[in-house]
Amino acid sequence: MPQLIGIALIGGLVWYGYRALKREMERINRETRDAEAKAKSKTILRQDEDGVYRPIDHEDD
């Protein structure tokens, strides 16, 4: 009987660890997608009157 309790306890810990890892991976993926979308939405270069592309200075949001 003690072996069954030990196996159940280890199984529960593995399940809890898997769920925590899955939540953390989803959080990191969400942050990465948000950062990529924010970076894509910003224009990096602007064409001046003389036709030359120059970098735009952005303030951090």
PDB file of N, CA and C in Angstrom:
ATOM      1  N   MET A   1       0.811  -1.207   0.000  1.00  0.00           N
ATOM      2  CA  MET A   1       0.000   0.000   0.000  1.00  0.00           C
ATOM      3  C   MET A   1       0.852   1.267   0.000  1.00  0.00           C
ATOM      4  N   PRO A   2       1.940   1.311   0.792  1.00  0.00           N
ATOM      5  CA  PRO A   2       2.769   2.525   0.763  1.00  0.00           C
ATOM      6  C   PRO A   2       3.353   2.807  -0.623  1.00  0.00           C
ATOM      7  N   GLN A   3       3.638   1.738  -1.388  1.00  0.00           N
ATOM      8  CA  GLN A   3       4.171   1.942  -2.736  1.00  0.00           C
ATOM      9  C   GLN A   3       3.129   2.627  -3.620  1.00  0.00           C
ATOM     10  N   LEU A   4       1.890   2.253  -3.488  1.00  0.00           N
ATOM     11  CA  LEU A   4       0.815   2.851  -4.274  1.00  0.00           C
ATOM     12  C   LEU A   4       0.656   4.333  -3.931  1.00  0.00           C
ATOM     13  N   ILE A   5       0.754   4.663  -2.660  1.00  0.00           N
ATOM     14  CA  ILE A   5       0.659   6.059  -2.239  1.00  0.00           C
ATOM     15  C   ILE A   5       1.852   6.846  -2.795  1.00  0.00           C
ATOM     16  N   GLY A   6       3.029   6.258  -2.748  1.00  0.00           N
ATOM     17  CA  GLY A   6       4.225   6.912  -3.281  1.00  0.00           C
ATOM     18  C   GLY A   6       4.122   7.144  -4.780  1.00  0.00           C
ATOM     19  N   ILE A   7       3.642   6.146  -5.500  1.00  0.00           N
ATOM     20  CA  ILE A   7       3.487   6.281  -6.944  1.00  0.00           C
ATOM     21  C   ILE A   7       2.442   7.353  -7.261  1.00  0.00           C
ATOM     22  N   ALA A   8       1.353   7.365  -6.514  1.00  0.00           N
ATOM     23  CA  ALA A   8       0.314   8.375  -6.732  1.00  0.00           C
ATOM     24  C   ALA A   8       0.859   9.774  -6.421  1.00  0.00           C
ATOM     25  N   LEU A   9       1.645   9.907  -5.382  1.00  0.00           N
ATOM     26  CA  LEU A   9       2.223  11.197  -5.020  1.00  0.00           C
ATOM     27  C   LEU A   9       3.198  11.676  -6.094  1.00  0.00           C
ATOM     28  N   ILE A  10       4.046  10.792  -6.578  1.00  0.00           N
ATOM     29  CA  ILE A  10       4.989  11.141  -7.640  1.00  0.00           C
ATOM     30  C   ILE A  10       4.233  11.500  -8.917  1.00  0.00           C
ATOM     31  N   GLY A  11       3.211  10.732  -9.245  1.00  0.00           N
ATOM     32  CA  GLY A  11       2.403  11.036 -10.425  1.00  0.00           C
ATOM     33  C   GLY A  11       1.747  12.403 -10.321  1.00  0.00           C
ATOM     34  N   GLY A  12       1.243  12.739  -9.143  1.00  0.00           N
ATOM     35  CA  GLY A  12       0.630  14.049  -8.931  1.00  0.00           C
ATOM     36  C   GLY A  12       1.644  15.172  -9.072  1.00  0.00           C
ATOM     37  N   LEU A  13       2.831  14.970  -8.559  1.00  0.00           N
ATOM     38  CA  LEU A  13       3.880  15.981  -8.686  1.00  0.00           C
ATOM     39  C   LEU A  13       4.305  16.169 -10.139  1.00  0.00           C
ATOM     40  N   VAL A  14       4.417  15.073 -10.876  1.00  0.00           N
ATOM     41  CA  VAL A  14       4.771  15.163 -12.294  1.00  0.00           C
ATOM     42  C   VAL A  14       3.680  15.902 -13.054  1.00  0.00           C
ATOM     43  N   TRP A  15       2.428  15.591 -12.781  1.00  0.00           N
ATOM     44  CA  TRP A  15       1.307  16.258 -13.437  1.00  0.00           C
ATOM     45  C   TRP A  15       1.306  17.754 -13.119  1.00  0.00           C
ATOM     46  N   TYR A  16       1.519  18.104 -11.850  1.00  0.00           N
ATOM     47  CA  TYR A  16       1.548  19.510 -11.450  1.00  0.00           C
ATOM     48  C   TYR A  16       2.723  20.234 -12.119  1.00  0.00           C
ATOM     49  N   GLY A  17       3.874  19.606 -12.169  1.00  0.00           N
ATOM     50  CA  GLY A  17       5.041  20.201 -12.828  1.00  0.00           C
ATOM     51  C   GLY A  17       4.804  20.405 -14.306  1.00  0.00           C
ATOM     52  N   TYR A  18       4.177  19.438 -14.955  1.00  0.00           N
ATOM     53  CA  TYR A  18       3.859  19.567 -16.387  1.00  0.00           C
ATOM     54  C   TYR A  18       2.918  20.735 -16.625  1.00  0.00           C
ATOM     55  N   ARG A  19       1.895  20.863 -15.807  1.00  0.00           N
ATOM     56  CA  ARG A  19       0.934  21.963 -15.960  1.00  0.00           C
ATOM     57  C   ARG A  19       1.605  23.314 -15.734  1.00  0.00           C
ATOM     58  N   ALA A  20       2.478  23.410 -14.731  1.00  0.00           N
ATOM     59  CA  ALA A  20       3.176  24.665 -14.461  1.00  0.00           C
ATOM     60  C   ALA A  20       4.099  25.021 -15.624  1.00  0.00           C
ATOM     61  N   LEU A  21       4.788  24.044 -16.176  1.00  0.00           N
ATOM     62  CA  LEU A  21       5.671  24.271 -17.315  1.00  0.00           C
ATOM     63  C   LEU A  21       4.866  24.712 -18.534  1.00  0.00           C
ATOM     64  N   LYS A  22       3.721  24.093 -18.755  1.00  0.00           N
ATOM     65  CA  LYS A  22       2.872  24.447 -19.888  1.00  0.00           C
ATOM     66  C   LYS A  22       2.359  25.887 -19.758  1.00  0.00           C
ATOM     67  N   ARG A  23       1.942  26.297 -18.563  1.00  0.00           N
ATOM     68  CA  ARG A  23       1.488  27.676 -18.336  1.00  0.00           C
ATOM     69  C   ARG A  23       2.612  28.668 -18.589  1.00  0.00           C
ATOM     70  N   GLU A  24       3.812  28.353 -18.120  1.00  0.00           N
ATOM     71  CA  GLU A  24       4.950  29.248 -18.308  1.00  0.00           C
ATOM     72  C   GLU A  24       5.314  29.367 -19.783  1.00  0.00           C
ATOM     73  N   MET A  25       5.269  28.269 -20.514  1.00  0.00           N
ATOM     74  CA  MET A  25       5.563  28.304 -21.943  1.00  0.00           C
ATOM     75  C   MET A  25       4.529  29.147 -22.685  1.00  0.00           C
ATOM     76  N   GLU A  26       3.266  29.040 -22.319  1.00  0.00           N
ATOM     77  CA  GLU A  26       2.219  29.846 -22.950  1.00  0.00           C
ATOM     78  C   GLU A  26       2.413  31.324 -22.657  1.00  0.00           C
ATOM     79  N   ARG A  27       2.823  31.667 -21.419  1.00  0.00           N
ATOM     80  CA  ARG A  27       3.071  33.055 -21.053  1.00  0.00           C
ATOM     81  C   ARG A  27       4.226  33.636 -21.873  1.00  0.00           C
ATOM     82  N   ILE A  28       5.296  32.871 -22.007  1.00  0.00           N
ATOM     83  CA  ILE A  28       6.458  33.337 -22.762  1.00  0.00           C
ATOM     84  C   ILE A  28       6.101  33.489 -24.239  1.00  0.00           C
ATOM     85  N   ASN A  29       5.357  32.538 -24.787  1.00  0.00           N
ATOM     86  CA  ASN A  29       4.928  32.644 -26.187  1.00  0.00           C
ATOM     87  C   ASN A  29       4.057  33.873 -26.411  1.00  0.00           C
ATOM     88  N   ARG A  30       3.163  34.150 -25.480  1.00  0.00           N
ATOM     89  CA  ARG A  30       2.285  35.318 -25.598  1.00  0.00           C
ATOM     90  C   ARG A  30       3.114  36.603 -25.559  1.00  0.00           C
ATOM     91  N   GLU A  31       4.071  36.687 -24.643  1.00  0.00           N
ATOM     92  CA  GLU A  31       4.926  37.872 -24.566  1.00  0.00           C
ATOM     93  C   GLU A  31       5.753  38.040 -25.837  1.00  0.00           C
ATOM     94  N   THR A  32       6.246  36.934 -26.381  1.00  0.00           N
ATOM     95  CA  THR A  32       7.050  36.995 -27.604  1.00  0.00           C
ATOM     96  C   THR A  32       6.202  37.461 -28.780  1.00  0.00           C
ATOM     97  N   ARG A  33       4.990  36.912 -28.913  1.00  0.00           N
ATOM     98  CA  ARG A  33       4.097  37.344 -29.994  1.00  0.00           C
ATOM     99  C   ARG A  33       3.754  38.819 -29.872  1.00  0.00           C
ATOM    100  N   ASP A  34       3.492  39.284 -28.650  1.00  0.00           N
ATOM    101  CA  ASP A  34       3.169  40.697 -28.442  1.00  0.00           C
ATOM    102  C   ASP A  34       4.348  41.592 -28.811  1.00  0.00           C
ATOM    103  N   ALA A  35       5.551  41.186 -28.423  1.00  0.00           N
ATOM    104  CA  ALA A  35       6.740  41.982 -28.739  1.00  0.00           C
ATOM    105  C   ALA A  35       6.997  42.003 -30.241  1.00  0.00           C
ATOM    106  N   GLU A  36       6.805  40.874 -30.913  1.00  0.00           N
ATOM    107  CA  GLU A  36       6.998  40.827 -32.363  1.00  0.00           C
ATOM    108  C   GLU A  36       5.972  41.702 -33.075  1.00  0.00           C
ATOM    109  N   ALA A  37       4.731  41.663 -32.631  1.00  0.00           N
ATOM    110  CA  ALA A  37       3.687  42.491 -33.247  1.00  0.00           C
ATOM    111  C   ALA A  37       3.976  43.969 -33.028  1.00  0.00           C
ATOM    112  N   LYS A  38       4.467  44.316 -31.850  1.00  0.00           N
ATOM    113  CA  LYS A  38       4.793  45.707 -31.559  1.00  0.00           C
ATOM    114  C   LYS A  38       5.969  46.164 -32.419  1.00  0.00           C
ATOM    115  N   ALA A  39       6.953  45.311 -32.595  1.00  0.00           N
ATOM    116  CA  ALA A  39       8.117  45.668 -33.405  1.00  0.00           C
ATOM    117  C   ALA A  39       7.735  45.815 -34.878  1.00  0.00           C
ATOM    118  N   LYS A  40       6.838  44.970 -35.370  1.00  0.00           N
ATOM    119  CA  LYS A  40       6.411  45.052 -36.764  1.00  0.00           C
ATOM    120  C   LYS A  40       5.557  46.279 -37.016  1.00  0.00           C
ATOM    121  N   SER A  41       4.835  46.730 -36.012  1.00  0.00           N
ATOM    122  CA  SER A  41       3.938  47.857 -36.210  1.00  0.00           C
ATOM    123  C   SER A  41       4.684  49.186 -36.280  1.00  0.00           C
ATOM    124  N   LYS A  42       5.896  49.218 -35.766  1.00  0.00           N
ATOM    125  CA  LYS A  42       6.669  50.458 -35.793  1.00  0.00           C
ATOM    126  C   LYS A  42       7.421  50.580 -37.106  1.00  0.00           C
ATOM    127  N   THR A  43       7.357  51.755 -37.695  1.00  0.00           N
ATOM    128  CA  THR A  43       8.120  52.031 -38.900  1.00  0.00           C
ATOM    129  C   THR A  43       9.524  52.409 -38.476  1.00  0.00           C
ATOM    130  N   ILE A  44      10.512  51.825 -39.126  1.00  0.00           N
ATOM    131  CA  ILE A  44      11.890  52.075 -38.757  1.00  0.00           C
ATOM    132  C   ILE A  44      12.490  53.194 -39.597  1.00  0.00           C
ATOM    133  N   LEU A  45      12.115  53.270 -40.881  1.00  0.00           N
ATOM    134  CA  LEU A  45      12.669  54.270 -41.780  1.00  0.00           C
ATOM    135  C   LEU A  45      11.561  55.143 -42.354  1.00  0.00           C
ATOM    136  N   ARG A  46      11.917  56.382 -42.626  1.00  0.00           N
ATOM    137  CA  ARG A  46      10.987  57.314 -43.255  1.00  0.00           C
ATOM    138  C   ARG A  46      11.709  57.993 -44.411  1.00  0.00           C
ATOM    139  N   GLN A  47      11.001  58.190 -45.503  1.00  0.00           N
ATOM    140  CA  GLN A  47      11.601  58.839 -46.662  1.00  0.00           C
ATOM    141  C   GLN A  47      11.477  60.355 -46.511  1.00  0.00           C
ATOM    142  N   ASP A  48      12.615  61.044 -46.577  1.00  0.00           N
ATOM    143  CA  ASP A  48      12.627  62.498 -46.474  1.00  0.00           C
ATOM    144  C   ASP A  48      12.238  63.143 -47.800  1.00  0.00           C
ATOM    145  N   GLU A  49      12.192  64.474 -47.792  1.00  0.00           N
ATOM    146  CA  GLU A  49      11.829  65.212 -48.995  1.00  0.00           C
ATOM    147  C   GLU A  49      12.804  64.960 -50.143  1.00  0.00           C
ATOM    148  N   ASP A  50      14.074  64.717 -49.798  1.00  0.00           N
ATOM    149  CA  ASP A  50      15.079  64.493 -50.837  1.00  0.00           C
ATOM    150  C   ASP A  50      15.109  63.044 -51.325  1.00  0.00           C
ATOM    151  N   GLY A  51      14.216  62.203 -50.827  1.00  0.00           N
ATOM    152  CA  GLY A  51      14.119  60.822 -51.294  1.00  0.00           C
ATOM    153  C   GLY A  51      15.004  59.843 -50.550  1.00  0.00           C
ATOM    154  N   VAL A  52      15.715  60.304 -49.527  1.00  0.00           N
ATOM    155  CA  VAL A  52      16.614  59.440 -48.750  1.00  0.00           C
ATOM    156  C   VAL A  52      15.837  58.889 -47.556  1.00  0.00           C
ATOM    157  N   TYR A  53      15.995  57.594 -47.299  1.00  0.00           N
ATOM    158  CA  TYR A  53      15.362  56.974 -46.142  1.00  0.00           C
ATOM    159  C   TYR A  53      16.240  57.189 -44.914  1.00  0.00           C
ATOM    160  N   ARG A  54      15.643  57.706 -43.845  1.00  0.00           N
ATOM    161  CA  ARG A  54      16.373  57.971 -42.609  1.00  0.00           C
ATOM    162  C   ARG A  54      15.656  57.284 -41.448  1.00  0.00           C
ATOM    163  N   PRO A  55      16.413  56.891 -40.417  1.00  0.00           N
ATOM    164  CA  PRO A  55      15.786  56.237 -39.262  1.00  0.00           C
ATOM    165  C   PRO A  55      14.892  57.205 -38.486  1.00  0.00           C
ATOM    166  N   ILE A  56      13.853  56.645 -37.911  1.00  0.00           N
ATOM    167  CA  ILE A  56      12.925  57.420 -37.092  1.00  0.00           C
ATOM    168  C   ILE A  56      13.273  57.154 -35.635  1.00  0.00           C
ATOM    169  N   ASP A  57      13.310  58.213 -34.836  1.00  0.00           N
ATOM    170  CA  ASP A  57      13.531  58.043 -33.396  1.00  0.00           C
ATOM    171  C   ASP A  57      12.180  57.802 -32.738  1.00  0.00           C
ATOM    172  N   HIS A  58      12.074  56.666 -32.020  1.00  0.00           N
ATOM    173  CA  HIS A  58      10.834  56.329 -31.306  1.00  0.00           C
ATOM    174  C   HIS A  58      11.087  56.449 -29.822  1.00  0.00           C
ATOM    175  N   GLU A  59      10.086  56.957 -29.127  1.00  0.00           N
ATOM    176  CA  GLU A  59      10.132  56.949 -27.674  1.00  0.00           C
ATOM    177  C   GLU A  59       9.623  55.605 -27.212  1.00  0.00           C
ATOM    178  N   ASP A  60      10.184  55.110 -26.105  1.00  0.00           N
ATOM    179  CA  ASP A  60       9.715  53.830 -25.560  1.00  0.00           C
ATOM    180  C   ASP A  60       8.326  54.017 -24.994  1.00  0.00           C
ATOM    181  N   ASP A  61       7.443  53.081 -25.328  1.00  0.00           N
ATOM    182  CA  ASP A  61       6.048  53.157 -24.871  1.00  0.00           C
ATOM    183  C   ASP A  61       5.917  52.543 -23.513  1.00  0.00           C
TER     184      ASP A  61
END
